[in-house]
Structure formats: structure tokens, C-alpha cells
């Protein structure tokens, strides 16, 4: 796997994956809770479980993988490090608040539903910033591999799905949008390790065409 030379950026990658792990535990906890709940499943409980996975640990992991892959062994400027740090803390804070807002809105109702578009918009902007970062850094890579392409594509898919979730309108539609979000984000997340395997094949078998070298 690619090594990150810049220690500060590597620390941000580690923070992203630790945040992802916390959201993963929340996802698993509510998954077991859903399985053990008898009768009608509370909507708040189900939506926290759903979004802790889709917009939670999966999205944070995608951002962490993108920063890891695109940073690599390159010499990085202080401005780049600052941008990565800002993206890291914004993603963890906003995505975490977005997930909690589903539990609050659907358990208390009323004006608390206003939290969903507020934090949802923040989540949408954050993931688009991550996608633009990936596309920008994709052009700066001396060697563009399958992993680079799939990491950028995964963030683009995530941005599109989250934007669709925000635009879904009334609260009743959020569950269906969340299910689509889970499906596409999970697919995008699975493409990245698949790309890593293809990258290994490209190194072992040069004519496989898994890497694109710029002359």
C-alpha cells in the first residue's frame, strides 16, 4: 500500500479512520438493537443505524482512503496540510452531527426536523469539497492508477447520492433516499479495495493496463 511521507497528513488519515471506527461501532450497536427489538421498530433507531453506516463510517473511510492515496510519497506544502486538516475535522464533526440529528428529529419531532436540512446541507458541502479535492489531486499525480480513479469516482458517487438525499424533500422520503444512499455508497466503497487489488495486478503484470503513466 502507498506510504504517506508527510507525518501531519498521516495523522489526519489516522484520525479519519478512528472517527470511522467510532461510527462503525454505533452502526453495529444499533444493528443489534434493531435485531433484538420486538414489535414496530422506532424510526429514529432505524435511521441512526442506517446513516451511521452509509454517511458515517463508509463516507469517512472513503475520504480517508482518498487522502491516503493522493498524498502518498509526494512533497506536500503547508497549505495542503492545512486543507487536509480542515477537511478531516469538518467531515467528522458534520457527519457525526448529521447522524445524531436523525435520532433527535424522529424521536422528538416538531421543530427538530429543521436539524436534518441544516446538517444535511453541511454534509453535502463537505463531501463535495472532498470530491473536488480528489479530482484536483488526480490531475497532479505523476502516475495515475486504478486506485486513484476509483477513489475519486467513489467520492463523486457519494456527493451525488448525498445531494439527492438533501433534495428528497419531506421527511417521509428520507428513509427511501437513505436506502439508495446505502446501496450506492457501499458499492463505491467496495470499488476502492477492488482497485487496490487491480493495482497490485498492474505492478505484477505491466501489460494489464491498470496504471496510466504520464509522459
Protein backbone atom coordinates (compact mmCIF):
# COMPACT_ATOMS: atom_id res chain seq x y z
CA UNK A 1 0.00 0.00 0.00
CA UNK A 2 1.08 3.62 -0.53
CA UNK A 3 3.03 5.21 2.32
CA UNK A 4 2.32 8.80 3.36
CA UNK A 5 5.61 10.64 3.76
CA UNK A 6 4.18 13.72 5.49
CA UNK A 7 3.63 12.85 9.14
CA UNK A 8 0.98 15.51 9.73
CA UNK A 9 -1.15 14.27 6.84
CA UNK A 10 -0.72 10.68 8.00
CA UNK A 11 -2.01 11.71 11.45
CA UNK A 12 -5.12 13.20 9.81
CA UNK A 13 -5.69 9.96 7.92
CA UNK A 14 -5.47 8.06 11.21
CA UNK A 15 -7.94 10.46 12.85
CA UNK A 16 -10.40 9.93 9.98
CA UNK A 17 -10.21 6.16 10.34
CA UNK A 18 -10.57 6.38 14.13
CA UNK A 19 -13.67 8.54 13.65
CA UNK A 20 -14.89 6.00 11.14
CA UNK A 21 -14.35 3.22 13.68
CA UNK A 22 -16.44 5.06 16.30
CA UNK A 23 -19.31 5.47 13.82
CA UNK A 24 -18.91 1.82 12.84
CA UNK A 25 -19.42 0.80 16.47
CA UNK A 26 -22.56 2.97 16.62
CA UNK A 27 -23.75 1.32 13.42
CA UNK A 28 -23.17 -2.15 14.85
CA UNK A 29 -24.77 -1.30 18.20
CA UNK A 30 -27.99 -0.09 16.61
CA UNK A 31 -27.90 -3.04 14.23
CA UNK A 32 -28.03 -5.45 17.15
CA UNK A 33 -30.57 -3.24 18.88
CA UNK A 34 -32.79 -3.38 15.80
CA UNK A 35 -32.50 -7.16 15.65
CA UNK A 36 -33.45 -7.54 19.32
CA UNK A 37 -36.32 -5.04 19.26
CA UNK A 38 -39.73 -6.69 19.31
CA UNK A 39 -42.72 -5.13 17.60
CA UNK A 40 -42.56 -2.00 15.47
CA UNK A 41 -39.04 -0.65 15.05
CA UNK A 42 -38.76 3.02 16.12
CA UNK A 43 -37.93 5.12 13.07
CA UNK A 44 -35.27 7.11 14.94
CA UNK A 45 -33.48 3.90 15.87
CA UNK A 46 -33.57 2.55 12.33
CA UNK A 47 -32.39 5.80 10.71
CA UNK A 48 -29.47 6.27 13.09
CA UNK A 49 -28.35 2.74 12.24
CA UNK A 50 -28.78 3.36 8.51
CA UNK A 51 -26.93 6.66 8.36
CA UNK A 52 -24.19 5.70 10.82
CA UNK A 53 -23.22 3.20 8.13
CA UNK A 54 -23.91 4.98 4.86
CA UNK A 55 -22.99 8.59 5.56
CA UNK A 56 -20.98 7.67 8.63
CA UNK A 57 -18.12 5.21 8.60
CA UNK A 58 -18.32 4.40 4.87
CA UNK A 59 -18.07 8.06 3.81
CA UNK A 60 -15.33 8.86 6.33
CA UNK A 61 -13.39 5.82 5.16
CA UNK A 62 -13.69 6.96 1.54
CA UNK A 63 -12.30 10.38 2.44
CA UNK A 64 -9.51 8.80 4.48
CA UNK A 65 -8.59 6.45 1.62
CA UNK A 66 -8.61 9.35 -0.86
CA UNK A 67 -6.26 11.47 1.26
CA UNK A 68 -4.02 8.44 1.85
CA UNK A 69 -3.82 7.52 -1.83
CA UNK A 70 -3.48 11.03 -3.23
CA UNK A 71 -0.87 12.20 -0.69
CA UNK A 72 1.48 9.23 -0.87
CA UNK A 73 5.19 9.89 -1.10
CA UNK A 74 4.80 13.40 -2.52
CA UNK A 75 6.31 16.51 -1.01
CA UNK A 76 3.34 18.40 0.43
CA UNK A 77 3.03 22.11 1.15
CA UNK A 78 1.83 23.63 4.42
CA UNK A 79 -1.29 24.82 2.60
CA UNK A 80 -2.07 21.25 1.54
CA UNK A 81 -1.65 20.02 5.11
CA UNK A 82 -3.94 22.77 6.39
CA UNK A 83 -6.63 21.90 3.83
CA UNK A 84 -6.48 18.21 4.78
CA UNK A 85 -6.73 19.06 8.48
CA UNK A 86 -9.78 21.29 7.89
CA UNK A 87 -11.48 18.62 5.78
CA UNK A 88 -10.78 15.96 8.41
CA UNK A 89 -12.33 17.77 11.35
CA UNK A 90 -15.21 19.17 9.29
CA UNK A 91 -16.12 15.70 7.99
CA UNK A 92 -16.03 14.05 11.42
CA UNK A 93 -17.96 16.86 13.12
CA UNK A 94 -20.61 17.43 10.46
CA UNK A 95 -21.25 13.77 9.63
CA UNK A 96 -21.44 12.90 13.32
CA UNK A 97 -23.93 15.72 13.97
CA UNK A 98 -25.94 14.71 10.91
CA UNK A 99 -26.36 11.17 12.21
CA UNK A 100 -27.37 12.37 15.69
CA UNK A 101 -29.88 14.79 14.14
CA UNK A 102 -31.87 11.85 12.75
CA UNK A 103 -32.24 10.38 16.21
CA UNK A 104 -33.28 13.73 17.71
CA UNK A 105 -35.67 14.68 14.90
CA UNK A 106 -37.51 11.37 14.72
CA UNK A 107 -37.69 10.85 18.48
CA UNK A 108 -38.80 14.37 19.45
CA UNK A 109 -40.38 15.62 16.21
CA UNK A 110 -41.69 19.13 15.67
CA UNK A 111 -39.15 21.86 15.04
CA UNK A 112 -36.29 19.38 15.49
CA UNK A 113 -36.82 18.26 11.90
CA UNK A 114 -35.09 21.51 10.92
CA UNK A 115 -31.84 19.87 12.02
CA UNK A 116 -31.96 17.49 9.05
CA UNK A 117 -31.60 20.03 6.22
CA UNK A 118 -29.17 22.12 8.29
CA UNK A 119 -26.68 19.33 8.94
CA UNK A 120 -27.60 17.63 5.67
CA UNK A 121 -26.52 20.71 3.74
CA UNK A 122 -23.28 20.80 5.70
CA UNK A 123 -22.71 17.13 4.90
CA UNK A 124 -23.41 17.74 1.21
CA UNK A 125 -20.96 20.65 1.04
CA UNK A 126 -18.30 18.66 2.91
CA UNK A 127 -18.49 15.64 0.61
CA UNK A 128 -18.40 17.90 -2.48
CA UNK A 129 -15.28 19.57 -1.09
CA UNK A 130 -13.77 16.09 -0.68
CA UNK A 131 -14.79 15.15 -4.25
CA UNK A 132 -13.30 18.35 -5.68
CA UNK A 133 -10.13 17.71 -3.68
CA UNK A 134 -9.89 14.23 -5.20
CA UNK A 135 -10.43 15.48 -8.76
CA UNK A 136 -7.86 18.24 -8.28
CA UNK A 137 -5.26 15.88 -6.85
CA UNK A 138 -5.99 13.31 -9.55
CA UNK A 139 -4.51 15.69 -12.12
CA UNK A 140 -1.37 16.20 -10.03
CA UNK A 141 -0.38 12.55 -9.74
CA UNK A 142 2.79 11.61 -11.63
CA UNK A 143 1.31 8.12 -12.06
CA UNK A 144 -2.48 7.69 -12.18
CA UNK A 145 -3.55 4.23 -11.04
CA UNK A 146 -6.87 2.44 -10.80
CA UNK A 147 -6.96 3.23 -7.10
CA UNK A 148 -6.73 6.96 -7.78
CA UNK A 149 -9.54 6.82 -10.32
CA UNK A 150 -11.85 4.72 -8.13
CA UNK A 151 -11.19 6.85 -5.04
CA UNK A 152 -12.20 9.99 -6.97
CA UNK A 153 -15.18 8.19 -8.52
CA UNK A 154 -16.30 6.91 -5.13
CA UNK A 155 -16.35 10.43 -3.68
CA UNK A 156 -18.25 11.71 -6.72
CA UNK A 157 -20.86 8.98 -6.25
CA UNK A 158 -21.11 9.80 -2.54
CA UNK A 159 -21.54 13.52 -3.30
CA UNK A 160 -24.28 12.82 -5.83
CA UNK A 161 -26.20 10.49 -3.52
CA UNK A 162 -25.98 12.83 -0.52
CA UNK A 163 -27.15 15.74 -2.68
CA UNK A 164 -30.09 13.59 -3.79
CA UNK A 165 -30.85 12.86 -0.15
CA UNK A 166 -30.99 16.57 0.69
CA UNK A 167 -33.18 17.28 -2.33
CA UNK A 168 -35.59 14.44 -1.47
CA UNK A 169 -37.89 16.92 0.24
CA UNK A 170 -40.29 15.91 3.03
CA UNK A 171 -39.12 13.86 5.98
CA UNK A 172 -41.14 10.85 4.81
CA UNK A 173 -38.82 10.43 1.82
CA UNK A 174 -35.61 10.36 3.81
CA UNK A 175 -35.83 6.65 4.53
CA UNK A 176 -36.07 5.67 0.85
CA UNK A 177 -33.31 8.09 -0.08
CA UNK A 178 -31.19 6.65 2.71
CA UNK A 179 -31.64 3.13 1.37
CA UNK A 180 -30.42 4.22 -2.08
CA UNK A 181 -27.59 6.10 -0.43
CA UNK A 182 -26.51 2.97 1.42
CA UNK A 183 -26.61 0.88 -1.73
CA UNK A 184 -24.52 3.23 -3.87
CA UNK A 185 -22.07 4.27 -1.15
CA UNK A 186 -21.44 0.66 -0.22
CA UNK A 187 -20.80 -0.14 -3.89
CA UNK A 188 -18.44 2.81 -4.19
CA UNK A 189 -16.59 1.81 -1.02
CA UNK A 190 -16.13 -1.74 -2.27
CA UNK A 191 -14.65 -0.46 -5.52
CA UNK A 192 -11.67 1.07 -3.73
CA UNK A 193 -10.17 -2.16 -2.30
CA UNK A 194 -11.03 -3.80 -5.63
CA UNK A 195 -8.97 -1.09 -7.31
CA UNK A 196 -6.14 -1.80 -4.88
CA UNK A 197 -6.12 -5.43 -6.00
CA UNK A 198 -6.10 -4.33 -9.64
CA UNK A 199 -3.20 -2.02 -8.84
CA UNK A 200 -1.25 -4.98 -7.48
CA UNK A 201 -2.00 -6.90 -10.67
CA UNK A 202 -0.81 -3.88 -12.66
CA UNK A 203 2.51 -3.95 -10.83
CA UNK A 204 2.96 -7.68 -11.31
CA UNK A 205 1.71 -7.73 -14.92
CA UNK A 206 2.73 -4.43 -16.59
CA UNK A 207 0.69 -5.05 -19.74
CA UNK A 208 -2.56 -5.33 -17.79
CA UNK A 209 -3.12 -1.61 -18.19
CA UNK A 210 -4.01 -0.98 -14.55
CA UNK A 211 -1.85 2.15 -14.36
CA UNK A 212 -1.66 5.13 -16.65
CA UNK A 213 1.72 6.79 -16.83
CA UNK A 214 2.04 10.36 -17.90
CA UNK A 215 4.90 11.07 -20.16
